[in-house]
Amino acid sequence: MAELALDEDIRLRRPAGIRSLRLGDVRVSYVPDGAVLLPPTGWLPDTTDAVWAALPQYLDDTGHLVASIGALLVEHGDRALLIDAGFGPQSLPPDPSTPRGAIHGGALLDSLAALGRTPEDIEAVAFTHLHPDHTGWALHPAPGADRPPFDHAEHLLSAPERAAHGAVFTPSAGVRTPADGEEVFPGVRMRVSAGHTAGHAEYVISGGGRRLIAFGDALHSPAQVDHPEWSAAVDHDPVHAAHHRRRLVAELAEPGTIGFGVHFADVVFGVVRPGGDRPAWRPVDE
């Protein structure tokens, strides 16, 4: 048990690599693009230095939360859907006017190739929300190209998200707004979970008697699973976001339910097992 806990601690402080799970006929894979460093008390302003002194396993050597950036590939037979699109081929230094540290992307297309897929295989890109670390490759061409790599694919987002932020989201591909609860791909349903943004969405993927909830930025760190009251500084409605997190954490604790946290360091797939002296978020690797 001690070795297991040590391995999990190491994974909490590094970006995720490619990881895959199978849900019956559906395969889901984390597609890495990059990472961002988050100052813990800046990103989660309801916390203090004393809080993080008691939770050192979540912080890297520079004292930051390490947040992975990437996408979720959903495959059903020959068909492929991408949920979110990373940050794209760009890097930015820390922004002192925001609670964000250094951020970089650029690996998503290589990660997709390692999973045996090309951008042309992606029939649709479904977005949890329209922040730039989720829309990157939908808007930015690859180096040396003149069009974004998913320009041919349908782009899906919730109607309230498009209404609130659509003016800054201008892909040349078609944009569609499925209804709340609509199936957007075999075994995949969109549901609106506003709080982080006005129209933030989650995707529930079902197969093989299990379901996976890709909850986007409802949670940014596995530490929030134990403390759903901690809203992020960038949450559109912190009170609503905290209320949703409490319900989400309870749902993730239900039998047969797996969570996907795109920013959850190297523990992006997990289950919630509350109680005991270990964190409630437990990584799932198969």
C-alpha atoms as a PDB file:
ATOM      1  CA  MET A   1       0.000   0.000   0.000  1.00  0.00           C
ATOM      2  CA  ALA A   2       2.863   2.378   0.761  1.00  0.00           C
ATOM      3  CA  GLU A   3       4.378   1.817  -2.704  1.00  0.00           C
ATOM      4  CA  LEU A   4       0.974   2.395  -4.311  1.00  0.00           C
ATOM      5  CA  ALA A   5       0.510   5.661  -2.416  1.00  0.00           C
ATOM      6  CA  LEU A   6       4.020   6.819  -3.419  1.00  0.00           C
ATOM      7  CA  ASP A   7       3.315   6.094  -7.094  1.00  0.00           C
ATOM      8  CA  GLU A   8       0.052   8.043  -6.918  1.00  0.00           C
ATOM      9  CA  ASP A   9       1.839  10.984  -5.254  1.00  0.00           C
ATOM     10  CA  ILE A  10       4.381  11.092  -8.095  1.00  0.00           C
ATOM     11  CA  ARG A  11       1.590  11.004 -10.670  1.00  0.00           C
ATOM     12  CA  LEU A  12      -0.157  13.941  -8.980  1.00  0.00           C
ATOM     13  CA  ARG A  13       2.868  16.129  -9.775  1.00  0.00           C
ATOM     14  CA  ARG A  14       3.419  15.351 -13.468  1.00  0.00           C
ATOM     15  CA  PRO A  15       1.444  15.770 -16.710  1.00  0.00           C
ATOM     16  CA  ALA A  16      -0.347  12.720 -18.047  1.00  0.00           C
ATOM     17  CA  GLY A  17       0.826  10.573 -20.922  1.00  0.00           C
ATOM     18  CA  ILE A  18      -1.449   8.612 -23.229  1.00  0.00           C
ATOM     19  CA  ARG A  19      -3.895   6.459 -21.259  1.00  0.00           C
ATOM     20  CA  SER A  20      -6.794   4.344 -22.544  1.00  0.00           C
ATOM     21  CA  LEU A  21      -9.802   2.523 -21.126  1.00  0.00           C
ATOM     22  CA  ARG A  22     -12.387   0.286 -22.756  1.00  0.00           C
ATOM     23  CA  LEU A  23     -16.113   0.568 -22.046  1.00  0.00           C
ATOM     24  CA  GLY A  24     -17.593  -2.358 -23.938  1.00  0.00           C
ATOM     25  CA  ASP A  25     -17.467  -1.465 -27.645  1.00  0.00           C
ATOM     26  CA  VAL A  26     -16.167   2.034 -26.884  1.00  0.00           C
ATOM     27  CA  ARG A  27     -12.521   2.897 -26.301  1.00  0.00           C
ATOM     28  CA  VAL A  28     -11.615   6.185 -24.640  1.00  0.00           C
ATOM     29  CA  SER A  29      -8.082   7.607 -24.636  1.00  0.00           C
ATOM     30  CA  TYR A  30      -6.480  10.663 -23.119  1.00  0.00           C
ATOM     31  CA  VAL A  31      -4.631  12.544 -25.892  1.00  0.00           C
ATOM     32  CA  PRO A  32      -1.893  14.734 -24.354  1.00  0.00           C
ATOM     33  CA  ASP A  33      -1.203  18.202 -25.750  1.00  0.00           C
ATOM     34  CA  GLY A  34       0.746  19.984 -22.986  1.00  0.00           C
ATOM     35  CA  ALA A  35       0.402  21.329 -19.462  1.00  0.00           C
ATOM     36  CA  VAL A  36      -0.129  24.450 -17.379  1.00  0.00           C
ATOM     37  CA  LEU A  37       1.241  25.345 -13.947  1.00  0.00           C
ATOM     38  CA  LEU A  38      -1.327  26.746 -11.522  1.00  0.00           C
ATOM     39  CA  PRO A  39      -0.430  28.719  -8.370  1.00  0.00           C
ATOM     40  CA  PRO A  40      -2.563  26.834  -5.822  1.00  0.00           C
ATOM     41  CA  THR A  41      -3.892  29.711  -3.709  1.00  0.00           C
ATOM     42  CA  GLY A  42      -4.312  31.904  -6.783  1.00  0.00           C
ATOM     43  CA  TRP A  43      -6.240  29.266  -8.700  1.00  0.00           C
ATOM     44  CA  LEU A  44      -8.265  28.074  -5.706  1.00  0.00           C
ATOM     45  CA  PRO A  45      -8.658  31.288  -3.686  1.00  0.00           C
ATOM     46  CA  ASP A  46     -10.582  29.652  -0.843  1.00  0.00           C
ATOM     47  CA  THR A  47      -7.397  27.789   0.096  1.00  0.00           C
ATOM     48  CA  THR A  48      -4.368  29.001   2.048  1.00  0.00           C
ATOM     49  CA  ASP A  49      -0.660  28.276   2.197  1.00  0.00           C
ATOM     50  CA  ALA A  50      -1.351  26.255   5.342  1.00  0.00           C
ATOM     51  CA  VAL A  51      -3.835  24.085   3.435  1.00  0.00           C
ATOM     52  CA  TRP A  52      -1.240  23.226   0.796  1.00  0.00           C
ATOM     53  CA  ALA A  53       1.480  22.678   3.384  1.00  0.00           C
ATOM     54  CA  ALA A  54      -0.697  19.787   4.545  1.00  0.00           C
ATOM     55  CA  LEU A  55      -1.200  18.547   0.956  1.00  0.00           C
ATOM     56  CA  PRO A  56       2.349  18.575  -0.491  1.00  0.00           C
ATOM     57  CA  GLN A  57       1.653  15.576  -2.744  1.00  0.00           C
ATOM     58  CA  TYR A  58      -0.306  17.838  -5.110  1.00  0.00           C
ATOM     59  CA  LEU A  59       2.475  20.393  -5.682  1.00  0.00           C
ATOM     60  CA  ASP A  60       5.552  20.133  -7.891  1.00  0.00           C
ATOM     61  CA  ASP A  61       9.040  21.328  -6.919  1.00  0.00           C
ATOM     62  CA  THR A  62       8.085  24.918  -7.806  1.00  0.00           C
ATOM     63  CA  GLY A  63       5.004  24.863  -5.560  1.00  0.00           C
ATOM     64  CA  HIS A  64       2.469  24.684  -8.416  1.00  0.00           C
ATOM     65  CA  LEU A  65      -0.438  22.419  -9.229  1.00  0.00           C
ATOM     66  CA  VAL A  66       0.417  20.592 -12.458  1.00  0.00           C
ATOM     67  CA  ALA A  67      -2.567  20.532 -14.811  1.00  0.00           C
ATOM     68  CA  SER A  68      -2.507  18.392 -17.924  1.00  0.00           C
ATOM     69  CA  ILE A  69      -3.900  19.825 -21.159  1.00  0.00           C
ATOM     70  CA  GLY A  70      -5.273  17.605 -23.894  1.00  0.00           C
ATOM     71  CA  ALA A  71      -8.367  15.923 -25.282  1.00  0.00           C
ATOM     72  CA  LEU A  72     -10.402  12.747 -24.959  1.00  0.00           C
ATOM     73  CA  LEU A  73     -10.557  10.461 -28.002  1.00  0.00           C
ATOM     74  CA  VAL A  74     -13.720   8.349 -28.154  1.00  0.00           C
ATOM     75  CA  GLU A  75     -13.680   5.456 -30.637  1.00  0.00           C
ATOM     76  CA  HIS A  76     -16.543   3.207 -31.659  1.00  0.00           C
ATOM     77  CA  GLY A  77     -15.479   0.852 -34.422  1.00  0.00           C
ATOM     78  CA  ASP A  78     -14.047   2.959 -37.244  1.00  0.00           C
ATOM     79  CA  ARG A  79     -15.686   6.136 -35.955  1.00  0.00           C
ATOM     80  CA  ALA A  80     -13.877   8.703 -33.817  1.00  0.00           C
ATOM     81  CA  LEU A  81     -14.970  11.709 -31.755  1.00  0.00           C
ATOM     82  CA  LEU A  82     -12.679  14.169 -29.974  1.00  0.00           C
ATOM     83  CA  ILE A  83     -13.811  15.921 -26.794  1.00  0.00           C
ATOM     84  CA  ASP A  84     -11.969  19.260 -26.532  1.00  0.00           C
ATOM     85  CA  ALA A  85      -8.946  20.209 -28.618  1.00  0.00           C
ATOM     86  CA  GLY A  86      -6.089  21.144 -26.311  1.00  0.00           C
ATOM     87  CA  PHE A  87      -4.170  24.436 -26.365  1.00  0.00           C
ATOM     88  CA  GLY A  88      -2.625  24.122 -29.798  1.00  0.00           C
ATOM     89  CA  PRO A  89       0.914  24.773 -31.051  1.00  0.00           C
ATOM     90  CA  GLN A  90       1.719  27.657 -28.743  1.00  0.00           C
ATOM     91  CA  SER A  91       3.326  28.505 -25.395  1.00  0.00           C
ATOM     92  CA  LEU A  92       2.808  31.428 -23.036  1.00  0.00           C
ATOM     93  CA  PRO A  93       4.796  32.574 -19.987  1.00  0.00           C
ATOM     94  CA  PRO A  94       3.097  33.154 -16.611  1.00  0.00           C
ATOM     95  CA  ASP A  95       0.515  35.930 -16.702  1.00  0.00           C
ATOM     96  CA  PRO A  96       0.775  38.023 -13.513  1.00  0.00           C
ATOM     97  CA  SER A  97      -2.641  39.574 -14.217  1.00  0.00           C
ATOM     98  CA  THR A  98      -4.298  36.147 -13.918  1.00  0.00           C
ATOM     99  CA  PRO A  99      -3.940  33.089 -11.642  1.00  0.00           C
ATOM    100  CA  ARG A 100      -2.296  31.169 -14.489  1.00  0.00           C
ATOM    101  CA  GLY A 101       1.331  30.095 -14.649  1.00  0.00           C
ATOM    102  CA  ALA A 102       3.317  28.984 -17.705  1.00  0.00           C
ATOM    103  CA  ILE A 103       1.285  27.073 -20.285  1.00  0.00           C
ATOM    104  CA  HIS A 104       2.213  25.130 -23.402  1.00  0.00           C
ATOM    105  CA  GLY A 105       0.609  22.862 -25.961  1.00  0.00           C
ATOM    106  CA  GLY A 106       1.694  21.351 -29.237  1.00  0.00           C
ATOM    107  CA  ALA A 107       1.743  17.562 -28.728  1.00  0.00           C
ATOM    108  CA  LEU A 108      -1.843  16.632 -29.583  1.00  0.00           C
ATOM    109  CA  LEU A 109      -1.353  15.633 -33.234  1.00  0.00           C
ATOM    110  CA  ASP A 110       1.642  13.457 -32.369  1.00  0.00           C
ATOM    111  CA  SER A 111      -0.332  11.900 -29.504  1.00  0.00           C
ATOM    112  CA  LEU A 112      -3.238  11.215 -31.851  1.00  0.00           C
ATOM    113  CA  ALA A 113      -0.861   9.531 -34.304  1.00  0.00           C
ATOM    114  CA  ALA A 114       0.519   7.361 -31.502  1.00  0.00           C
ATOM    115  CA  LEU A 115      -3.053   6.179 -30.942  1.00  0.00           C
ATOM    116  CA  GLY A 116      -3.325   5.236 -34.616  1.00  0.00           C
ATOM    117  CA  ARG A 117      -5.495   8.166 -35.676  1.00  0.00           C
ATOM    118  CA  THR A 118      -5.109  11.135 -38.008  1.00  0.00           C
ATOM    119  CA  PRO A 119      -7.065  14.387 -37.788  1.00  0.00           C
ATOM    120  CA  GLU A 120      -9.043  13.277 -40.844  1.00  0.00           C
ATOM    121  CA  ASP A 121     -10.410  10.347 -38.800  1.00  0.00           C
ATOM    122  CA  ILE A 122     -12.177  12.727 -36.405  1.00  0.00           C
ATOM    123  CA  GLU A 123     -15.778  13.204 -37.484  1.00  0.00           C
ATOM    124  CA  ALA A 124     -16.648  15.752 -34.790  1.00  0.00           C
ATOM    125  CA  VAL A 125     -15.030  17.774 -32.012  1.00  0.00           C
ATOM    126  CA  ALA A 126     -17.279  18.224 -28.959  1.00  0.00           C
ATOM    127  CA  PHE A 127     -16.341  21.011 -26.560  1.00  0.00           C
ATOM    128  CA  THR A 128     -16.921  21.217 -22.835  1.00  0.00           C
ATOM    129  CA  HIS A 129     -16.480  24.999 -23.094  1.00  0.00           C
ATOM    130  CA  LEU A 130     -14.665  27.632 -25.115  1.00  0.00           C
ATOM    131  CA  HIS A 131     -11.610  28.518 -23.039  1.00  0.00           C
ATOM    132  CA  PRO A 132      -8.419  28.553 -25.133  1.00  0.00           C
ATOM    133  CA  ASP A 133      -6.899  25.468 -23.489  1.00  0.00           C
ATOM    134  CA  HIS A 134      -9.865  23.503 -24.862  1.00  0.00           C
ATOM    135  CA  THR A 135     -10.251  25.057 -28.336  1.00  0.00           C
ATOM    136  CA  GLY A 136      -6.589  25.297 -29.406  1.00  0.00           C
ATOM    137  CA  TRP A 137      -6.293  22.905 -32.339  1.00  0.00           C
ATOM    138  CA  ALA A 138      -9.799  23.808 -33.551  1.00  0.00           C
ATOM    139  CA  LEU A 139      -8.617  27.345 -34.261  1.00  0.00           C
ATOM    140  CA  HIS A 140      -4.835  27.116 -34.822  1.00  0.00           C
ATOM    141  CA  PRO A 141      -3.250  25.527 -37.899  1.00  0.00           C
ATOM    142  CA  ALA A 142      -0.404  23.109 -37.388  1.00  0.00           C
ATOM    143  CA  PRO A 143       3.021  24.602 -38.168  1.00  0.00           C
ATOM    144  CA  GLY A 144       3.375  24.860 -41.931  1.00  0.00           C
ATOM    145  CA  ALA A 145      -0.350  24.357 -42.561  1.00  0.00           C
ATOM    146  CA  ASP A 146      -2.912  26.984 -43.551  1.00  0.00           C
ATOM    147  CA  ARG A 147      -5.988  25.449 -41.881  1.00  0.00           C
ATOM    148  CA  PRO A 148      -6.720  23.963 -38.447  1.00  0.00           C
ATOM    149  CA  PRO A 149      -6.383  20.172 -38.503  1.00  0.00           C
ATOM    150  CA  PHE A 150     -10.031  19.529 -37.609  1.00  0.00           C
ATOM    151  CA  ASP A 151     -11.417  22.040 -40.082  1.00  0.00           C
ATOM    152  CA  HIS A 152     -13.426  19.324 -41.816  1.00  0.00           C
ATOM    153  CA  ALA A 153     -15.130  18.078 -38.624  1.00  0.00           C
ATOM    154  CA  GLU A 154     -18.414  19.176 -37.113  1.00  0.00           C
ATOM    155  CA  HIS A 155     -17.949  21.285 -33.962  1.00  0.00           C
ATOM    156  CA  LEU A 156     -20.370  20.668 -31.092  1.00  0.00           C
ATOM    157  CA  LEU A 157     -21.045  22.860 -28.064  1.00  0.00           C
ATOM    158  CA  SER A 158     -23.976  23.707 -25.833  1.00  0.00           C
ATOM    159  CA  ALA A 159     -26.391  26.408 -26.916  1.00  0.00           C
ATOM    160  CA  PRO A 160     -25.793  28.592 -23.824  1.00  0.00           C
ATOM    161  CA  GLU A 161     -22.027  28.343 -24.320  1.00  0.00           C
ATOM    162  CA  ARG A 162     -22.374  29.460 -27.927  1.00  0.00           C
ATOM    163  CA  ALA A 163     -24.669  32.290 -26.900  1.00  0.00           C
ATOM    164  CA  ALA A 164     -22.244  33.498 -24.227  1.00  0.00           C
ATOM    165  CA  HIS A 165     -18.899  33.007 -26.003  1.00  0.00           C
ATOM    166  CA  GLY A 166     -19.620  32.183 -29.632  1.00  0.00           C
ATOM    167  CA  ALA A 167     -18.388  35.551 -30.849  1.00  0.00           C
ATOM    168  CA  VAL A 168     -14.795  34.519 -30.079  1.00  0.00           C
ATOM    169  CA  PHE A 169     -15.204  31.001 -31.501  1.00  0.00           C
ATOM    170  CA  THR A 170     -14.953  31.214 -35.259  1.00  0.00           C
ATOM    171  CA  PRO A 171     -13.911  27.906 -36.808  1.00  0.00           C
ATOM    172  CA  SER A 172     -14.597  27.619 -40.510  1.00  0.00           C
ATOM    173  CA  ALA A 173     -16.161  24.191 -39.915  1.00  0.00           C
ATOM    174  CA  GLY A 174     -19.838  23.891 -39.069  1.00  0.00           C
ATOM    175  CA  VAL A 175     -20.954  24.482 -35.477  1.00  0.00           C
ATOM    176  CA  ARG A 176     -23.923  22.616 -34.022  1.00  0.00           C
ATOM    177  CA  THR A 177     -25.591  22.990 -30.626  1.00  0.00           C
ATOM    178  CA  PRO A 178     -27.066  19.650 -29.475  1.00  0.00           C
ATOM    179  CA  ALA A 179     -29.868  19.695 -26.947  1.00  0.00           C
ATOM    180  CA  ASP A 180     -29.138  18.984 -23.290  1.00  0.00           C
ATOM    181  CA  GLY A 181     -29.096  15.184 -22.952  1.00  0.00           C
ATOM    182  CA  GLU A 182     -28.794  14.512 -26.696  1.00  0.00           C
ATOM    183  CA  GLU A 183     -26.671  11.618 -27.952  1.00  0.00           C
ATOM    184  CA  VAL A 184     -23.890  13.135 -30.071  1.00  0.00           C
ATOM    185  CA  PHE A 185     -21.968   9.923 -30.883  1.00  0.00           C
ATOM    186  CA  PRO A 186     -22.687   6.248 -30.171  1.00  0.00           C
ATOM    187  CA  GLY A 187     -22.867   5.952 -26.389  1.00  0.00           C
ATOM    188  CA  VAL A 188     -22.037   9.645 -25.787  1.00  0.00           C
ATOM    189  CA  ARG A 189     -24.503  12.205 -24.440  1.00  0.00           C
ATOM    190  CA  MET A 190     -23.978  15.898 -23.771  1.00  0.00           C
ATOM    191  CA  ARG A 191     -25.355  17.462 -20.613  1.00  0.00           C
ATOM    192  CA  VAL A 192     -25.137  21.104 -19.615  1.00  0.00           C
ATOM    193  CA  SER A 193     -23.397  21.722 -16.291  1.00  0.00           C
ATOM    194  CA  ALA A 194     -23.005  25.486 -16.134  1.00  0.00           C
ATOM    195  CA  GLY A 195     -20.897  27.013 -13.402  1.00  0.00           C
ATOM    196  CA  HIS A 196     -17.373  27.107 -14.758  1.00  0.00           C
ATOM    197  CA  THR A 197     -18.739  28.959 -17.788  1.00  0.00           C
ATOM    198  CA  ALA A 198     -22.274  29.996 -18.668  1.00  0.00           C
ATOM    199  CA  GLY A 199     -22.765  26.931 -20.867  1.00  0.00           C
ATOM    200  CA  HIS A 200     -20.149  24.451 -19.681  1.00  0.00           C
ATOM    201  CA  ALA A 201     -21.008  20.894 -20.749  1.00  0.00           C
ATOM    202  CA  GLU A 202     -20.083  17.394 -19.648  1.00  0.00           C
ATOM    203  CA  TYR A 203     -20.140  14.228 -21.748  1.00  0.00           C
ATOM    204  CA  VAL A 204     -21.430  10.926 -20.389  1.00  0.00           C
ATOM    205  CA  ILE A 205     -20.031   7.891 -22.219  1.00  0.00           C
ATOM    206  CA  SER A 206     -21.705   4.531 -21.643  1.00  0.00           C
ATOM    207  CA  GLY A 207     -20.639   1.006 -22.587  1.00  0.00           C
ATOM    208  CA  GLY A 208     -19.978  -2.432 -21.189  1.00  0.00           C
ATOM    209  CA  GLY A 209     -22.135  -1.805 -18.142  1.00  0.00           C
ATOM    210  CA  ARG A 210     -20.049   1.198 -17.087  1.00  0.00           C
ATOM    211  CA  ARG A 211     -20.209   4.918 -17.707  1.00  0.00           C
ATOM    212  CA  LEU A 212     -17.525   7.573 -17.855  1.00  0.00           C
ATOM    213  CA  ILE A 213     -18.239  11.227 -17.085  1.00  0.00           C
ATOM    214  CA  ALA A 214     -15.907  13.614 -18.903  1.00  0.00           C
ATOM    215  CA  PHE A 215     -16.509  16.574 -16.616  1.00  0.00           C
ATOM    216  CA  GLY A 216     -14.267  19.172 -18.246  1.00  0.00           C
ATOM    217  CA  ASP A 217     -13.403  22.038 -15.902  1.00  0.00           C
ATOM    218  CA  ALA A 218     -16.045  21.323 -13.286  1.00  0.00           C
ATOM    219  CA  LEU A 219     -12.962  20.205 -11.341  1.00  0.00           C
ATOM    220  CA  HIS A 220      -9.358  21.216 -12.080  1.00  0.00           C
ATOM    221  CA  SER A 221      -7.533  19.194  -9.421  1.00  0.00           C
ATOM    222  CA  PRO A 222      -8.187  15.855  -7.704  1.00  0.00           C
ATOM    223  CA  ALA A 223      -7.839  17.778  -4.435  1.00  0.00           C
ATOM    224  CA  GLN A 224     -11.249  19.315  -5.184  1.00  0.00           C
ATOM    225  CA  VAL A 225     -12.865  15.875  -5.010  1.00  0.00           C
ATOM    226  CA  ASP A 226     -12.229  15.990  -1.263  1.00  0.00           C
ATOM    227  CA  HIS A 227     -13.094  19.698  -1.149  1.00  0.00           C
ATOM    228  CA  PRO A 228     -15.840  20.460  -3.699  1.00  0.00           C
ATOM    229  CA  GLU A 229     -16.410  23.782  -1.961  1.00  0.00           C
ATOM    230  CA  TRP A 230     -13.155  25.072  -3.504  1.00  0.00           C
ATOM    231  CA  SER A 231     -14.127  27.022  -6.608  1.00  0.00           C
ATOM    232  CA  ALA A 232     -11.560  28.172  -9.146  1.00  0.00           C
ATOM    233  CA  ALA A 233     -10.780  31.858  -9.530  1.00  0.00           C
ATOM    234  CA  VAL A 234     -11.861  31.598 -13.175  1.00  0.00           C
ATOM    235  CA  ASP A 235     -15.261  30.003 -12.467  1.00  0.00           C
ATOM    236  CA  HIS A 236     -18.037  32.068 -14.032  1.00  0.00           C
ATOM    237  CA  ASP A 237     -20.396  31.414 -11.093  1.00  0.00           C
ATOM    238  CA  PRO A 238     -18.409  30.089  -8.099  1.00  0.00           C
ATOM    239  CA  VAL A 239     -21.501  29.313  -6.007  1.00  0.00           C
ATOM    240  CA  HIS A 240     -23.221  27.389  -8.786  1.00  0.00           C
ATOM    241  CA  ALA A 241     -19.935  25.670  -9.654  1.00  0.00           C
ATOM    242  CA  ALA A 242     -19.472  24.462  -6.061  1.00  0.00           C
ATOM    243  CA  HIS A 243     -23.064  23.225  -5.916  1.00  0.00           C
ATOM    244  CA  HIS A 244     -22.540  21.262  -9.127  1.00  0.00           C
ATOM    245  CA  ARG A 245     -19.231  19.822  -7.899  1.00  0.00           C
ATOM    246  CA  ARG A 246     -20.908  18.406  -4.797  1.00  0.00           C
ATOM    247  CA  ARG A 247     -23.497  16.621  -6.925  1.00  0.00           C
ATOM    248  CA  LEU A 248     -20.852  15.494  -9.405  1.00  0.00           C
ATOM    249  CA  VAL A 249     -18.599  14.001  -6.716  1.00  0.00           C
ATOM    250  CA  ALA A 250     -21.574  12.087  -5.302  1.00  0.00           C
ATOM    251  CA  GLU A 251     -22.410  10.805  -8.784  1.00  0.00           C
ATOM    252  CA  LEU A 252     -18.804   9.728  -9.372  1.00  0.00           C
ATOM    253  CA  ALA A 253     -19.014   7.615  -6.218  1.00  0.00           C
ATOM    254  CA  GLU A 254     -21.853   5.538  -7.688  1.00  0.00           C
ATOM    255  CA  PRO A 255     -21.074   1.948  -8.773  1.00  0.00           C
ATOM    256  CA  GLY A 256     -19.856   1.491 -12.345  1.00  0.00           C
ATOM    257  CA  THR A 257     -18.960   5.178 -12.725  1.00  0.00           C
ATOM    258  CA  ILE A 258     -15.561   6.502 -13.833  1.00  0.00           C
ATOM    259  CA  GLY A 259     -14.520  10.133 -14.068  1.00  0.00           C
ATOM    260  CA  PHE A 260     -12.289  11.823 -16.627  1.00  0.00           C
ATOM    261  CA  GLY A 261     -10.547  14.986 -15.428  1.00  0.00           C
ATOM    262  CA  VAL A 262      -8.695  16.493 -18.369  1.00  0.00           C
ATOM    263  CA  HIS A 263      -6.554  18.653 -16.031  1.00  0.00           C
ATOM    264  CA  PHE A 264      -5.964  15.967 -13.366  1.00  0.00           C
ATOM    265  CA  ALA A 265      -2.172  15.695 -13.697  1.00  0.00           C
ATOM    266  CA  ASP A 266      -1.348  12.023 -14.470  1.00  0.00           C
ATOM    267  CA  VAL A 267      -4.498  10.612 -12.857  1.00  0.00           C
ATOM    268  CA  VAL A 268      -6.974  11.686 -15.545  1.00  0.00           C
ATOM    269  CA  PHE A 269      -9.144   8.548 -15.213  1.00  0.00           C
ATOM    270  CA  GLY A 270     -10.399   7.712 -11.756  1.00  0.00           C
ATOM    271  CA  VAL A 271     -13.171   6.701  -9.405  1.00  0.00           C
ATOM    272  CA  VAL A 272     -14.355   8.289  -6.170  1.00  0.00           C
ATOM    273  CA  ARG A 273     -14.030   6.170  -3.044  1.00  0.00           C
ATOM    274  CA  PRO A 274     -14.705   8.427  -0.035  1.00  0.00           C
ATOM    275  CA  GLY A 275     -13.688   7.552   3.496  1.00  0.00           C
ATOM    276  CA  GLY A 276     -10.483   6.272   5.018  1.00  0.00           C
ATOM    277  CA  ASP A 277      -7.180   8.099   5.209  1.00  0.00           C
ATOM    278  CA  ARG A 278      -6.526   8.304   1.449  1.00  0.00           C
ATOM    279  CA  PRO A 279      -7.801  10.907  -1.031  1.00  0.00           C
ATOM    280  CA  ALA A 280     -11.190  10.080  -2.487  1.00  0.00           C
ATOM    281  CA  TRP A 281      -9.937  10.197  -6.115  1.00  0.00           C
ATOM    282  CA  ARG A 282      -8.405   6.820  -7.002  1.00  0.00           C
ATOM    283  CA  PRO A 283      -6.727   6.413 -10.409  1.00  0.00           C
ATOM    284  CA  VAL A 284      -8.127   3.841 -12.851  1.00  0.00           C
ATOM    285  CA  ASP A 285      -5.759   2.488 -15.496  1.00  0.00           C
ATOM    286  CA  GLU A 286      -7.744  -0.261 -17.191  1.00  0.00           C
END
